[in-house]
Amino acid sequence: MPNQSPIRRVEFSRSALERNLSTLTTAAEIVVDLRCDAYGFGADWVRSAAEDAGCAAFLTDDTPREPVPPTTATLLGLTAGSPVARIVGEIVSLKHIEPGDSVSYGYTWTAPRPSTLALVTLGFADGIPRSGSNGALVSIADSSVPIVGRIAMDQFVADVTDLAVSVGELATLWDSVSAVTQWHTHTGRDPLSLVAGLSWRVERVWSE
């Protein structure tokens, strides 16, 4: 039977990684950091692309005390370059609420107007930082909208009042440098820790 589970997925782009490698290796020889499974991007996958690009210097978990090379976040498309990863969840329900209604744990967000909210299948058990509650942005229908209320274990709520969306559409996190920067600013999390912190239940898909 086909898998009917809601979508929780991180997608890695080989072409984006190769573009970043091409830009970085043109300027100088770089050291590629493969520690912590290449910060969640997949050490074997990153090594393969890096070796194809002519890289020969790598850091592995056998060298834990070496500093993080300054090109690492750019290589992975987190602070510059082409975004290599994007995290995808699914809208599983939509709810219309009235001004003054509150949502999620502790009712920390209250609707200032008639609002439409989307329930998205990503939560802190997937590794989405709870500090992204009430203000970190998610991309839905090609627009950036805020997460409202506290991020729960299995899902978060996004304000889609000004969008035309349907159940089954996708919500995307961290698919651009600006999106990663906004989460870094809102949560205080190092960009390298975001994908690295995703849990086992998020499906990994690597392109070739």
Protein backbone atom coordinates (compact mmCIF):
# COMPACT_ATOMS: atom_id res chain seq x y z
CA MET A 1 0.00 0.00 0.00
CA PRO A 2 1.24 3.55 -0.66
CA ASN A 3 2.58 5.50 2.30
CA GLN A 4 -0.22 7.68 3.66
CA SER A 5 1.88 9.36 6.35
CA PRO A 6 2.01 13.17 6.28
CA ILE A 7 5.06 14.57 4.52
CA ARG A 8 8.09 15.36 6.67
CA ARG A 9 11.06 15.57 4.32
CA VAL A 10 14.40 17.24 3.72
CA GLU A 11 15.55 17.47 0.11
CA PHE A 12 19.20 17.92 -0.85
CA SER A 13 20.24 19.30 -4.24
CA ARG A 14 23.45 17.93 -5.76
CA SER A 15 23.44 20.64 -8.45
CA ALA A 16 23.32 23.39 -5.80
CA LEU A 17 26.17 21.77 -3.88
CA GLU A 18 28.22 21.52 -7.07
CA ARG A 19 27.64 25.22 -7.84
CA ASN A 20 28.87 26.18 -4.39
CA LEU A 21 31.89 23.89 -4.74
CA SER A 22 32.71 25.42 -8.11
CA THR A 23 32.58 28.95 -6.71
CA LEU A 24 34.64 28.14 -3.63
CA THR A 25 37.30 25.99 -5.29
CA THR A 26 37.86 28.58 -8.00
CA ALA A 27 39.00 31.06 -5.34
CA ALA A 28 41.16 28.72 -3.25
CA GLU A 29 41.64 25.17 -2.07
CA ILE A 30 39.11 24.45 0.66
CA VAL A 31 38.79 22.03 3.55
CA VAL A 32 35.45 20.20 3.52
CA ASP A 33 33.97 19.53 6.96
CA LEU A 34 32.25 16.13 7.10
CA ARG A 35 31.79 16.02 10.86
CA CYS A 36 28.37 15.38 12.37
CA ASP A 37 27.39 13.68 9.10
CA ALA A 38 28.33 16.90 7.28
CA TYR A 39 26.01 18.78 9.64
CA GLY A 40 23.08 16.63 8.62
CA PHE A 41 23.64 16.92 4.87
CA GLY A 42 25.11 13.41 4.56
CA ALA A 43 28.87 12.94 4.82
CA ASP A 44 29.17 10.37 2.04
CA TRP A 45 27.05 12.48 -0.32
CA VAL A 46 29.00 15.67 0.37
CA ARG A 47 32.36 13.86 0.09
CA SER A 48 31.40 12.37 -3.27
CA ALA A 49 30.53 15.78 -4.73
CA ALA A 50 33.61 17.39 -3.19
CA GLU A 51 35.96 14.73 -4.54
CA ASP A 52 34.42 15.09 -7.99
CA ALA A 53 35.18 18.82 -7.72
CA GLY A 54 38.84 18.06 -6.93
CA CYS A 55 38.79 18.54 -3.15
CA ALA A 56 41.28 16.44 -1.21
CA ALA A 57 41.21 17.92 2.31
CA PHE A 58 38.49 16.76 4.69
CA LEU A 59 37.67 16.97 8.38
CA THR A 60 36.00 13.91 9.90
CA ASP A 61 34.72 12.93 13.31
CA ASP A 62 38.27 11.73 14.06
CA THR A 63 39.31 15.39 14.28
CA PRO A 64 36.65 16.88 16.60
CA ARG A 65 38.80 19.73 17.95
CA GLU A 66 39.61 21.33 14.61
CA PRO A 67 37.77 24.63 14.07
CA VAL A 68 34.95 24.75 11.55
CA PRO A 69 36.38 25.93 8.20
CA PRO A 70 35.04 29.39 7.33
CA THR A 71 33.67 28.17 3.99
CA THR A 72 31.45 25.46 5.50
CA ALA A 73 28.17 27.38 5.77
CA THR A 74 28.63 28.79 2.26
CA LEU A 75 29.39 25.32 0.87
CA LEU A 76 26.09 24.08 2.28
CA GLY A 77 24.21 27.15 1.03
CA LEU A 78 23.27 28.38 4.49
CA THR A 79 24.83 31.85 4.63
CA ALA A 80 25.68 32.43 0.96
CA GLY A 81 25.65 30.57 -2.33
CA SER A 82 22.90 28.28 -3.60
CA PRO A 83 20.64 26.63 -1.00
CA VAL A 84 21.47 22.92 -0.84
CA ALA A 85 18.67 21.77 1.48
CA ARG A 86 15.02 22.52 1.94
CA ILE A 87 12.70 21.11 4.60
CA VAL A 88 9.16 20.28 3.53
CA GLY A 89 6.02 19.66 5.58
CA GLU A 90 2.40 19.20 4.59
CA ILE A 91 -0.66 21.28 5.40
CA VAL A 92 -3.04 18.77 6.99
CA SER A 93 -5.83 21.12 8.06
CA LEU A 94 -7.07 24.69 7.78
CA LYS A 95 -9.04 26.53 10.44
CA HIS A 96 -10.81 29.88 10.45
CA ILE A 97 -10.80 31.76 13.76
CA GLU A 98 -12.23 35.02 15.02
CA PRO A 99 -10.43 38.05 16.50
CA GLY A 100 -9.51 37.31 20.11
CA ASP A 101 -9.17 33.54 19.59
CA SER A 102 -5.83 32.05 20.66
CA VAL A 103 -3.91 28.99 19.45
CA SER A 104 -1.42 26.31 20.49
CA TYR A 105 0.17 25.57 23.88
CA GLY A 106 -0.26 28.34 26.39
CA TYR A 107 -2.29 30.47 23.97
CA THR A 108 0.70 32.72 23.35
CA TRP A 109 -0.72 34.13 20.09
CA THR A 110 -4.10 35.76 19.72
CA ALA A 111 -5.70 36.59 16.38
CA PRO A 112 -5.93 40.35 15.80
CA ARG A 113 -8.45 39.87 12.94
CA PRO A 114 -10.47 37.09 11.33
CA SER A 115 -7.72 34.64 10.43
CA THR A 116 -7.07 31.43 8.54
CA LEU A 117 -4.51 29.10 10.07
CA ALA A 118 -2.70 26.14 8.52
CA LEU A 119 -1.57 23.14 10.56
CA VAL A 120 1.78 21.92 9.18
CA THR A 121 3.35 18.51 9.85
CA LEU A 122 6.65 19.63 11.36
CA GLY A 123 7.35 20.04 15.06
CA PHE A 124 10.02 19.97 17.70
CA ALA A 125 10.14 16.15 17.60
CA ASP A 126 11.32 16.58 14.00
CA GLY A 127 14.07 18.95 15.13
CA ILE A 128 12.32 22.23 14.33
CA PRO A 129 13.56 24.64 17.04
CA ARG A 130 10.81 25.60 19.48
CA SER A 131 12.40 29.04 19.63
CA GLY A 132 10.94 29.56 16.16
CA SER A 133 7.53 29.96 17.77
CA ASN A 134 5.65 33.21 17.21
CA GLY A 135 7.50 34.83 14.36
CA ALA A 136 9.85 32.56 12.43
CA LEU A 137 8.82 32.40 8.78
CA VAL A 138 7.71 29.52 6.58
CA SER A 139 7.18 29.55 2.81
CA ILE A 140 3.68 28.58 1.65
CA ALA A 141 2.32 29.20 -1.85
CA ASP A 142 5.44 31.22 -2.73
CA SER A 143 4.88 33.60 0.19
CA SER A 144 6.60 33.94 3.55
CA VAL A 145 4.15 33.73 6.46
CA PRO A 146 4.74 33.61 10.22
CA ILE A 147 4.49 30.68 12.55
CA VAL A 148 1.95 31.65 15.22
CA GLY A 149 1.71 30.14 18.66
CA ARG A 150 4.17 27.66 20.09
CA ILE A 151 5.69 24.96 17.91
CA ALA A 152 4.27 21.66 19.15
CA MET A 153 5.75 18.17 19.13
CA ASP A 154 4.37 17.11 15.76
CA GLN A 155 3.23 20.30 14.05
CA PHE A 156 3.17 24.05 13.96
CA VAL A 157 0.55 26.61 12.98
CA ALA A 158 1.09 29.23 10.27
CA ASP A 159 -1.02 32.30 9.54
CA VAL A 160 -2.20 31.98 5.93
CA THR A 161 -5.00 34.55 6.14
CA ASP A 162 -3.89 36.41 3.03
CA LEU A 163 -3.22 33.31 0.91
CA ALA A 164 -5.35 30.92 -1.12
CA VAL A 165 -4.15 27.51 0.06
CA SER A 166 -5.57 24.01 0.35
CA VAL A 167 -5.03 20.98 2.53
CA GLY A 168 -2.24 18.87 1.02
CA GLU A 169 -0.12 21.81 -0.12
CA LEU A 170 3.48 22.00 1.06
CA ALA A 171 5.18 24.31 3.51
CA THR A 172 8.93 24.86 3.18
CA LEU A 173 11.64 25.90 5.62
CA TRP A 174 15.22 27.10 5.09
CA ASP A 175 15.11 27.01 1.28
CA SER A 176 17.04 30.27 0.82
CA VAL A 177 19.84 32.17 2.50
CA SER A 178 17.37 34.84 3.60
CA ALA A 179 15.10 32.21 5.15
CA VAL A 180 17.99 30.67 7.09
CA THR A 181 19.10 34.14 8.19
CA GLN A 182 15.60 34.97 9.46
CA TRP A 183 15.49 31.77 11.54
CA HIS A 184 19.00 32.47 12.85
CA THR A 185 17.95 35.98 13.89
CA HIS A 186 14.67 34.86 15.45
CA THR A 187 15.98 31.78 17.27
CA GLY A 188 19.64 32.54 17.90
CA ARG A 189 20.54 29.15 16.41
CA ASP A 190 23.75 28.74 14.40
CA PRO A 191 22.75 28.06 10.76
CA LEU A 192 24.89 24.90 10.78
CA SER A 193 22.79 23.52 13.64
CA LEU A 194 19.46 23.73 11.80
CA VAL A 195 19.67 20.80 9.38
CA ALA A 196 22.03 18.99 11.76
CA GLY A 197 19.28 19.01 14.37
CA LEU A 198 16.63 17.28 12.25
CA SER A 199 15.45 14.01 13.77
CA TRP A 200 15.41 10.49 12.36
CA ARG A 201 11.74 10.66 11.41
CA VAL A 202 12.31 13.33 8.76
CA GLU A 203 12.75 11.56 5.41
CA ARG A 204 16.02 12.35 3.61
CA VAL A 205 16.06 12.64 -0.18
CA TRP A 206 19.38 13.22 -1.97
CA SER A 207 19.43 14.13 -5.65
CA GLU A 208 22.18 12.99 -7.99
